[in-house]
Amino acid sequence: MNEDRSQVSVVQIHPDAASMEFHLDVVGDRARQAYAQTLEASTGIQVFGTPTERILRMLRQQAGSGVPLSISPLHLGGFTRAREG
């Protein structure tokens, strides 16, 4: 949240699309309620990575119409967490 409490960012990090789909299934109803209460203040959704069509559908459903959704599928630098196994 910024200092004057006018902007909030929420970050979720998932190791893969299946993890995000599971998360959206679990919090789906609650997230829709939260978006409904703050929709006029939502400025956008950013997805980093390659979402499935199901993820895109759920995000659009939860956020409602008129909220921009941007997707950045390419990782160009920094680090990624190594997978175990």
PDB file of N, CA and C in Angstrom:
ATOM      1  N   MET A   1       0.846  -1.165   0.000  1.00  0.00           N
ATOM      2  CA  MET A   1       0.000   0.000   0.000  1.00  0.00           C
ATOM      3  C   MET A   1       0.900   1.241   0.000  1.00  0.00           C
ATOM      4  N   ASN A   2       0.491   2.222  -0.764  1.00  0.00           N
ATOM      5  CA  ASN A   2       1.291   3.441  -0.744  1.00  0.00           C
ATOM      6  C   ASN A   2       0.981   4.244   0.516  1.00  0.00           C
ATOM      7  N   GLU A   3       1.745   5.306   0.749  1.00  0.00           N
ATOM      8  CA  GLU A   3       1.647   6.045   2.006  1.00  0.00           C
ATOM      9  C   GLU A   3       0.286   6.683   2.243  1.00  0.00           C
ATOM     10  N   ASP A   4      -0.360   7.182   1.177  1.00  0.00           N
ATOM     11  CA  ASP A   4      -1.666   7.815   1.399  1.00  0.00           C
ATOM     12  C   ASP A   4      -2.835   6.823   1.267  1.00  0.00           C
ATOM     13  N   ARG A   5      -2.493   5.545   1.201  1.00  0.00           N
ATOM     14  CA  ARG A   5      -3.476   4.449   1.175  1.00  0.00           C
ATOM     15  C   ARG A   5      -4.411   4.507  -0.024  1.00  0.00           C
ATOM     16  N   SER A   6      -3.937   5.101  -1.118  1.00  0.00           N
ATOM     17  CA  SER A   6      -4.789   5.205  -2.305  1.00  0.00           C
ATOM     18  C   SER A   6      -4.508   4.108  -3.326  1.00  0.00           C
ATOM     19  N   GLN A   7      -3.457   3.324  -3.103  1.00  0.00           N
ATOM     20  CA  GLN A   7      -3.118   2.277  -4.064  1.00  0.00           C
ATOM     21  C   GLN A   7      -2.584   1.051  -3.321  1.00  0.00           C
ATOM     22  N   VAL A   8      -3.080  -0.110  -3.706  1.00  0.00           N
ATOM     23  CA  VAL A   8      -2.661  -1.376  -3.113  1.00  0.00           C
ATOM     24  C   VAL A   8      -2.299  -2.324  -4.237  1.00  0.00           C
ATOM     25  N   SER A   9      -1.231  -3.060  -4.067  1.00  0.00           N
ATOM     26  CA  SER A   9      -0.848  -4.096  -5.022  1.00  0.00           C
ATOM     27  C   SER A   9      -0.869  -5.440  -4.315  1.00  0.00           C
ATOM     28  N   VAL A  10      -1.349  -6.439  -5.006  1.00  0.00           N
ATOM     29  CA  VAL A  10      -1.369  -7.796  -4.475  1.00  0.00           C
ATOM     30  C   VAL A  10      -0.504  -8.645  -5.393  1.00  0.00           C
ATOM     31  N   VAL A  11       0.420  -9.387  -4.813  1.00  0.00           N
ATOM     32  CA  VAL A  11       1.333 -10.220  -5.594  1.00  0.00           C
ATOM     33  C   VAL A  11       1.140 -11.667  -5.179  1.00  0.00           C
ATOM     34  N   GLN A  12       0.997 -12.518  -6.159  1.00  0.00           N
ATOM     35  CA  GLN A  12       0.950 -13.960  -5.920  1.00  0.00           C
ATOM     36  C   GLN A  12       2.043 -14.600  -6.762  1.00  0.00           C
ATOM     37  N   ILE A  13       2.746 -15.540  -6.186  1.00  0.00           N
ATOM     38  CA  ILE A  13       3.790 -16.248  -6.917  1.00  0.00           C
ATOM     39  C   ILE A  13       3.449 -17.735  -6.882  1.00  0.00           C
ATOM     40  N   HIS A  14       3.360 -18.319  -8.051  1.00  0.00           N
ATOM     41  CA  HIS A  14       3.042 -19.738  -8.175  1.00  0.00           C
ATOM     42  C   HIS A  14       4.137 -20.422  -8.985  1.00  0.00           C
ATOM     43  N   PRO A  15       4.483 -21.651  -8.629  1.00  0.00           N
ATOM     44  CA  PRO A  15       5.530 -22.349  -9.372  1.00  0.00           C
ATOM     45  C   PRO A  15       5.099 -22.781 -10.772  1.00  0.00           C
ATOM     46  N   ASP A  16       3.795 -22.883 -10.998  1.00  0.00           N
ATOM     47  CA  ASP A  16       3.300 -23.289 -12.313  1.00  0.00           C
ATOM     48  C   ASP A  16       1.818 -22.938 -12.431  1.00  0.00           C
ATOM     49  N   ALA A  17       1.278 -23.134 -13.629  1.00  0.00           N
ATOM     50  CA  ALA A  17      -0.118 -22.789 -13.890  1.00  0.00           C
ATOM     51  C   ALA A  17      -1.070 -23.640 -13.053  1.00  0.00           C
ATOM     52  N   ALA A  18      -0.742 -24.903 -12.836  1.00  0.00           N
ATOM     53  CA  ALA A  18      -1.608 -25.784 -12.050  1.00  0.00           C
ATOM     54  C   ALA A  18      -1.783 -25.252 -10.627  1.00  0.00           C
ATOM     55  N   SER A  19      -0.727 -24.710 -10.047  1.00  0.00           N
ATOM     56  CA  SER A  19      -0.802 -24.138  -8.707  1.00  0.00           C
ATOM     57  C   SER A  19      -1.735 -22.930  -8.683  1.00  0.00           C
ATOM     58  N   MET A  20      -1.646 -22.094  -9.700  1.00  0.00           N
ATOM     59  CA  MET A  20      -2.510 -20.913  -9.748  1.00  0.00           C
ATOM     60  C   MET A  20      -3.964 -21.321  -9.966  1.00  0.00           C
ATOM     61  N   GLU A  21      -4.199 -22.314 -10.828  1.00  0.00           N
ATOM     62  CA  GLU A  21      -5.565 -22.792 -11.030  1.00  0.00           C
ATOM     63  C   GLU A  21      -6.156 -23.304  -9.719  1.00  0.00           C
ATOM     64  N   PHE A  22      -5.374 -24.069  -8.961  1.00  0.00           N
ATOM     65  CA  PHE A  22      -5.842 -24.582  -7.675  1.00  0.00           C
ATOM     66  C   PHE A  22      -6.179 -23.427  -6.734  1.00  0.00           C
ATOM     67  N   HIS A  23      -5.300 -22.450  -6.665  1.00  0.00           N
ATOM     68  CA  HIS A  23      -5.522 -21.275  -5.811  1.00  0.00           C
ATOM     69  C   HIS A  23      -6.815 -20.561  -6.202  1.00  0.00           C
ATOM     70  N   LEU A  24      -7.008 -20.333  -7.495  1.00  0.00           N
ATOM     71  CA  LEU A  24      -8.210 -19.638  -7.947  1.00  0.00           C
ATOM     72  C   LEU A  24      -9.467 -20.446  -7.653  1.00  0.00           C
ATOM     73  N   ASP A  25      -9.374 -21.773  -7.728  1.00  0.00           N
ATOM     74  CA  ASP A  25     -10.515 -22.620  -7.366  1.00  0.00           C
ATOM     75  C   ASP A  25     -10.868 -22.445  -5.891  1.00  0.00           C
ATOM     76  N   VAL A  26      -9.847 -22.421  -5.040  1.00  0.00           N
ATOM     77  CA  VAL A  26     -10.061 -22.334  -3.594  1.00  0.00           C
ATOM     78  C   VAL A  26     -10.622 -20.973  -3.194  1.00  0.00           C
ATOM     79  N   VAL A  27     -10.102 -19.893  -3.761  1.00  0.00           N
ATOM     80  CA  VAL A  27     -10.509 -18.547  -3.338  1.00  0.00           C
ATOM     81  C   VAL A  27     -11.499 -17.884  -4.291  1.00  0.00           C
ATOM     82  N   GLY A  28     -11.998 -18.607  -5.272  1.00  0.00           N
ATOM     83  CA  GLY A  28     -12.833 -18.028  -6.318  1.00  0.00           C
ATOM     84  C   GLY A  28     -13.977 -17.164  -5.827  1.00  0.00           C
ATOM     85  N   ASP A  29     -14.833 -17.710  -4.972  1.00  0.00           N
ATOM     86  CA  ASP A  29     -15.987 -16.946  -4.490  1.00  0.00           C
ATOM     87  C   ASP A  29     -15.559 -15.733  -3.673  1.00  0.00           C
ATOM     88  N   ARG A  30     -14.584 -15.919  -2.816  1.00  0.00           N
ATOM     89  CA  ARG A  30     -14.095 -14.817  -1.971  1.00  0.00           C
ATOM     90  C   ARG A  30     -13.476 -13.714  -2.832  1.00  0.00           C
ATOM     91  N   ALA A  31     -12.707 -14.111  -3.850  1.00  0.00           N
ATOM     92  CA  ALA A  31     -12.076 -13.113  -4.723  1.00  0.00           C
ATOM     93  C   ALA A  31     -13.125 -12.328  -5.502  1.00  0.00           C
ATOM     94  N   ARG A  32     -14.167 -12.999  -5.985  1.00  0.00           N
ATOM     95  CA  ARG A  32     -15.237 -12.294  -6.706  1.00  0.00           C
ATOM     96  C   ARG A  32     -15.904 -11.257  -5.802  1.00  0.00           C
ATOM     97  N   GLN A  33     -16.113 -11.614  -4.535  1.00  0.00           N
ATOM     98  CA  GLN A  33     -16.720 -10.671  -3.585  1.00  0.00           C
ATOM     99  C   GLN A  33     -15.802  -9.479  -3.351  1.00  0.00           C
ATOM    100  N   ALA A  34     -14.515  -9.740  -3.198  1.00  0.00           N
ATOM    101  CA  ALA A  34     -13.556  -8.655  -2.958  1.00  0.00           C
ATOM    102  C   ALA A  34     -13.488  -7.721  -4.161  1.00  0.00           C
ATOM    103  N   TYR A  35     -13.438  -8.288  -5.376  1.00  0.00           N
ATOM    104  CA  TYR A  35     -13.417  -7.448  -6.568  1.00  0.00           C
ATOM    105  C   TYR A  35     -14.703  -6.640  -6.679  1.00  0.00           C
ATOM    106  N   ALA A  36     -15.840  -7.241  -6.346  1.00  0.00           N
ATOM    107  CA  ALA A  36     -17.118  -6.524  -6.439  1.00  0.00           C
ATOM    108  C   ALA A  36     -17.131  -5.309  -5.517  1.00  0.00           C
ATOM    109  N   GLN A  37     -16.476  -5.423  -4.357  1.00  0.00           N
ATOM    110  CA  GLN A  37     -16.455  -4.315  -3.407  1.00  0.00           C
ATOM    111  C   GLN A  37     -15.463  -3.221  -3.805  1.00  0.00           C
ATOM    112  N   THR A  38     -14.467  -3.557  -4.611  1.00  0.00           N
ATOM    113  CA  THR A  38     -13.414  -2.590  -4.951  1.00  0.00           C
ATOM    114  C   THR A  38     -13.260  -2.390  -6.448  1.00  0.00           C
ATOM    115  N   LEU A  39     -14.227  -2.846  -7.239  1.00  0.00           N
ATOM    116  CA  LEU A  39     -14.075  -2.840  -8.693  1.00  0.00           C
ATOM    117  C   LEU A  39     -13.761  -1.460  -9.249  1.00  0.00           C
ATOM    118  N   GLU A  40     -14.425  -0.423  -8.745  1.00  0.00           N
ATOM    119  CA  GLU A  40     -14.170   0.909  -9.293  1.00  0.00           C
ATOM    120  C   GLU A  40     -12.742   1.374  -9.014  1.00  0.00           C
ATOM    121  N   ALA A  41     -12.081   0.762  -8.048  1.00  0.00           N
ATOM    122  CA  ALA A  41     -10.710   1.137  -7.719  1.00  0.00           C
ATOM    123  C   ALA A  41      -9.668   0.224  -8.381  1.00  0.00           C
ATOM    124  N   SER A  42     -10.103  -0.887  -8.972  1.00  0.00           N
ATOM    125  CA  SER A  42      -9.144  -1.796  -9.615  1.00  0.00           C
ATOM    126  C   SER A  42      -8.635  -1.165 -10.900  1.00  0.00           C
ATOM    127  N   THR A  43      -7.320  -1.102 -11.033  1.00  0.00           N
ATOM    128  CA  THR A  43      -6.746  -0.455 -12.210  1.00  0.00           C
ATOM    129  C   THR A  43      -6.194  -1.449 -13.218  1.00  0.00           C
ATOM    130  N   GLY A  44      -5.977  -2.685 -12.819  1.00  0.00           N
ATOM    131  CA  GLY A  44      -5.487  -3.668 -13.771  1.00  0.00           C
ATOM    132  C   GLY A  44      -4.987  -4.926 -13.105  1.00  0.00           C
ATOM    133  N   ILE A  45      -4.813  -5.933 -13.931  1.00  0.00           N
ATOM    134  CA  ILE A  45      -4.253  -7.209 -13.500  1.00  0.00           C
ATOM    135  C   ILE A  45      -3.072  -7.499 -14.407  1.00  0.00           C
ATOM    136  N   GLN A  46      -1.953  -7.869 -13.809  1.00  0.00           N
ATOM    137  CA  GLN A  46      -0.758  -8.234 -14.570  1.00  0.00           C
ATOM    138  C   GLN A  46      -0.423  -9.688 -14.287  1.00  0.00           C
ATOM    139  N   VAL A  47      -0.165 -10.438 -15.349  1.00  0.00           N
ATOM    140  CA  VAL A  47       0.231 -11.835 -15.223  1.00  0.00           C
ATOM    141  C   VAL A  47       1.617 -11.969 -15.844  1.00  0.00           C
ATOM    142  N   PHE A  48       2.543 -12.514 -15.081  1.00  0.00           N
ATOM    143  CA  PHE A  48       3.899 -12.761 -15.564  1.00  0.00           C
ATOM    144  C   PHE A  48       4.064 -14.258 -15.717  1.00  0.00           C
ATOM    145  N   GLY A  49       4.285 -14.710 -16.937  1.00  0.00           N
ATOM    146  CA  GLY A  49       4.326 -16.133 -17.244  1.00  0.00           C
ATOM    147  C   GLY A  49       3.236 -16.433 -18.259  1.00  0.00           C
ATOM    148  N   THR A  50       3.027 -17.704 -18.527  1.00  0.00           N
ATOM    149  CA  THR A  50       2.045 -18.104 -19.531  1.00  0.00           C
ATOM    150  C   THR A  50       0.836 -18.732 -18.844  1.00  0.00           C
ATOM    151  N   PRO A  51      -0.258 -17.989 -18.741  1.00  0.00           N
ATOM    152  CA  PRO A  51      -1.456 -18.529 -18.090  1.00  0.00           C
ATOM    153  C   PRO A  51      -2.217 -19.456 -19.038  1.00  0.00           C
ATOM    154  N   THR A  52      -2.956 -20.378 -18.465  1.00  0.00           N
ATOM    155  CA  THR A  52      -3.828 -21.226 -19.270  1.00  0.00           C
ATOM    156  C   THR A  52      -5.087 -20.438 -19.612  1.00  0.00           C
ATOM    157  N   GLU A  53      -5.841 -20.933 -20.557  1.00  0.00           N
ATOM    158  CA  GLU A  53      -7.115 -20.289 -20.897  1.00  0.00           C
ATOM    159  C   GLU A  53      -8.046 -20.277 -19.690  1.00  0.00           C
ATOM    160  N   ARG A  54      -7.997 -21.334 -18.889  1.00  0.00           N
ATOM    161  CA  ARG A  54      -8.838 -21.411 -17.690  1.00  0.00           C
ATOM    162  C   ARG A  54      -8.471 -20.306 -16.690  1.00  0.00           C
ATOM    163  N   ILE A  55      -7.179 -20.066 -16.506  1.00  0.00           N
ATOM    164  CA  ILE A  55      -6.730 -18.992 -15.612  1.00  0.00           C
ATOM    165  C   ILE A  55      -7.219 -17.641 -16.121  1.00  0.00           C
ATOM    166  N   LEU A  56      -7.063 -17.392 -17.402  1.00  0.00           N
ATOM    167  CA  LEU A  56      -7.518 -16.117 -17.978  1.00  0.00           C
ATOM    168  C   LEU A  56      -9.023 -15.942 -17.786  1.00  0.00           C
ATOM    169  N   ARG A  57      -9.772 -16.997 -18.013  1.00  0.00           N
ATOM    170  CA  ARG A  57     -11.222 -16.930 -17.850  1.00  0.00           C
ATOM    171  C   ARG A  57     -11.589 -16.617 -16.397  1.00  0.00           C
ATOM    172  N   MET A  58     -10.930 -17.285 -15.448  1.00  0.00           N
ATOM    173  CA  MET A  58     -11.239 -17.059 -14.034  1.00  0.00           C
ATOM    174  C   MET A  58     -10.850 -15.645 -13.603  1.00  0.00           C
ATOM    175  N   LEU A  59      -9.698 -15.147 -14.046  1.00  0.00           N
ATOM    176  CA  LEU A  59      -9.283 -13.788 -13.682  1.00  0.00           C
ATOM    177  C   LEU A  59     -10.263 -12.757 -14.228  1.00  0.00           C
ATOM    178  N   ARG A  60     -10.655 -12.918 -15.489  1.00  0.00           N
ATOM    179  CA  ARG A  60     -11.597 -11.969 -16.083  1.00  0.00           C
ATOM    180  C   ARG A  60     -12.938 -12.023 -15.378  1.00  0.00           C
ATOM    181  N   GLN A  61     -13.360 -13.225 -15.004  1.00  0.00           N
ATOM    182  CA  GLN A  61     -14.624 -13.404 -14.302  1.00  0.00           C
ATOM    183  C   GLN A  61     -14.595 -12.727 -12.933  1.00  0.00           C
ATOM    184  N   GLN A  62     -13.489 -12.891 -12.224  1.00  0.00           N
ATOM    185  CA  GLN A  62     -13.375 -12.313 -10.893  1.00  0.00           C
ATOM    186  C   GLN A  62     -13.267 -10.797 -10.932  1.00  0.00           C
ATOM    187  N   ALA A  63     -12.532 -10.265 -11.909  1.00  0.00           N
ATOM    188  CA  ALA A  63     -12.294  -8.823 -11.957  1.00  0.00           C
ATOM    189  C   ALA A  63     -13.453  -8.062 -12.585  1.00  0.00           C
ATOM    190  N   GLY A  64     -14.201  -8.709 -13.444  1.00  0.00           N
ATOM    191  CA  GLY A  64     -15.291  -8.029 -14.119  1.00  0.00           C
ATOM    192  C   GLY A  64     -14.816  -7.342 -15.381  1.00  0.00           C
ATOM    193  N   SER A  65     -15.749  -6.792 -16.128  1.00  0.00           N
ATOM    194  CA  SER A  65     -15.398  -6.143 -17.386  1.00  0.00           C
ATOM    195  C   SER A  65     -14.790  -4.768 -17.132  1.00  0.00           C
ATOM    196  N   GLY A  66     -13.962  -4.344 -18.043  1.00  0.00           N
ATOM    197  CA  GLY A  66     -13.373  -3.018 -17.944  1.00  0.00           C
ATOM    198  C   GLY A  66     -12.065  -2.945 -17.187  1.00  0.00           C
ATOM    199  N   VAL A  67     -11.640  -4.037 -16.550  1.00  0.00           N
ATOM    200  CA  VAL A  67     -10.361  -4.042 -15.845  1.00  0.00           C
ATOM    201  C   VAL A  67      -9.323  -4.618 -16.798  1.00  0.00           C
ATOM    202  N   PRO A  68      -8.313  -3.821 -17.200  1.00  0.00           N
ATOM    203  CA  PRO A  68      -7.313  -4.294 -18.148  1.00  0.00           C
ATOM    204  C   PRO A  68      -6.502  -5.463 -17.594  1.00  0.00           C
ATOM    205  N   LEU A  69      -6.226  -6.410 -18.464  1.00  0.00           N
ATOM    206  CA  LEU A  69      -5.422  -7.575 -18.123  1.00  0.00           C
ATOM    207  C   LEU A  69      -4.229  -7.604 -19.064  1.00  0.00           C
ATOM    208  N   SER A  70      -3.019  -7.527 -18.505  1.00  0.00           N
ATOM    209  CA  SER A  70      -1.820  -7.603 -19.348  1.00  0.00           C
ATOM    210  C   SER A  70      -1.065  -8.886 -19.020  1.00  0.00           C
ATOM    211  N   ILE A  71      -0.482  -9.471 -20.052  1.00  0.00           N
ATOM    212  CA  ILE A  71       0.251 -10.729 -19.902  1.00  0.00           C
ATOM    213  C   ILE A  71       1.670 -10.528 -20.414  1.00  0.00           C
ATOM    214  N   SER A  72       2.640 -10.890 -19.588  1.00  0.00           N
ATOM    215  CA  SER A  72       4.056 -10.835 -19.964  1.00  0.00           C
ATOM    216  C   SER A  72       4.595 -12.263 -19.867  1.00  0.00           C
ATOM    217  N   PRO A  73       4.559 -13.012 -20.979  1.00  0.00           N
ATOM    218  CA  PRO A  73       4.912 -14.432 -20.918  1.00  0.00           C
ATOM    219  C   PRO A  73       6.408 -14.725 -20.906  1.00  0.00           C
ATOM    220  N   LEU A  74       7.240 -13.775 -21.288  1.00  0.00           N
ATOM    221  CA  LEU A  74       8.668 -14.059 -21.449  1.00  0.00           C
ATOM    222  C   LEU A  74       9.487 -13.630 -20.239  1.00  0.00           C
ATOM    223  N   HIS A  75      10.374 -14.490 -19.795  1.00  0.00           N
ATOM    224  CA  HIS A  75      11.297 -14.202 -18.693  1.00  0.00           C
ATOM    225  C   HIS A  75      12.636 -13.831 -19.313  1.00  0.00           C
ATOM    226  N   LEU A  76      13.100 -12.619 -19.093  1.00  0.00           N
ATOM    227  CA  LEU A  76      14.326 -12.146 -19.732  1.00  0.00           C
ATOM    228  C   LEU A  76      15.515 -12.062 -18.798  1.00  0.00           C
ATOM    229  N   GLY A  77      15.308 -11.991 -17.503  1.00  0.00           N
ATOM    230  CA  GLY A  77      16.444 -11.842 -16.602  1.00  0.00           C
ATOM    231  C   GLY A  77      16.053 -12.089 -15.173  1.00  0.00           C
ATOM    232  N   GLY A  78      16.998 -11.925 -14.276  1.00  0.00           N
ATOM    233  CA  GLY A  78      16.717 -12.191 -12.875  1.00  0.00           C
ATOM    234  C   GLY A  78      16.945 -13.646 -12.559  1.00  0.00           C
ATOM    235  N   PHE A  79      16.167 -14.170 -11.643  1.00  0.00           N
ATOM    236  CA  PHE A  79      16.349 -15.558 -11.294  1.00  0.00           C
ATOM    237  C   PHE A  79      15.009 -16.266 -11.227  1.00  0.00           C
ATOM    238  N   THR A  80      15.038 -17.548 -11.355  1.00  0.00           N
ATOM    239  CA  THR A  80      13.861 -18.372 -11.149  1.00  0.00           C
ATOM    240  C   THR A  80      14.214 -19.407 -10.103  1.00  0.00           C
ATOM    241  N   ARG A  81      13.228 -19.857  -9.403  1.00  0.00           N
ATOM    242  CA  ARG A  81      13.462 -20.856  -8.367  1.00  0.00           C
ATOM    243  C   ARG A  81      13.642 -22.212  -9.031  1.00  0.00           C
ATOM    244  N   ALA A  82      14.713 -22.909  -8.672  1.00  0.00           N
ATOM    245  CA  ALA A  82      14.976 -24.230  -9.243  1.00  0.00           C
ATOM    246  C   ALA A  82      13.930 -25.215  -8.730  1.00  0.00           C
ATOM    247  N   ARG A  83      13.508 -26.089  -9.600  1.00  0.00           N
ATOM    248  CA  ARG A  83      12.560 -27.127  -9.210  1.00  0.00           C
ATOM    249  C   ARG A  83      13.314 -28.293  -8.601  1.00  0.00           C
ATOM    250  N   GLU A  84      12.740 -28.824  -7.551  1.00  0.00           N
ATOM    251  CA  GLU A  84      13.353 -29.994  -6.917  1.00  0.00           C
ATOM    252  C   GLU A  84      12.820 -31.257  -7.582  1.00  0.00           C
ATOM    253  N   GLY A  85      13.607 -32.286  -7.530  1.00  0.00           N
ATOM    254  CA  GLY A  85      13.111 -33.573  -8.008  1.00  0.00           C
ATOM    255  C   GLY A  85      13.734 -33.964  -9.256  1.00  0.00           C
TER     256      GLY A  85
END
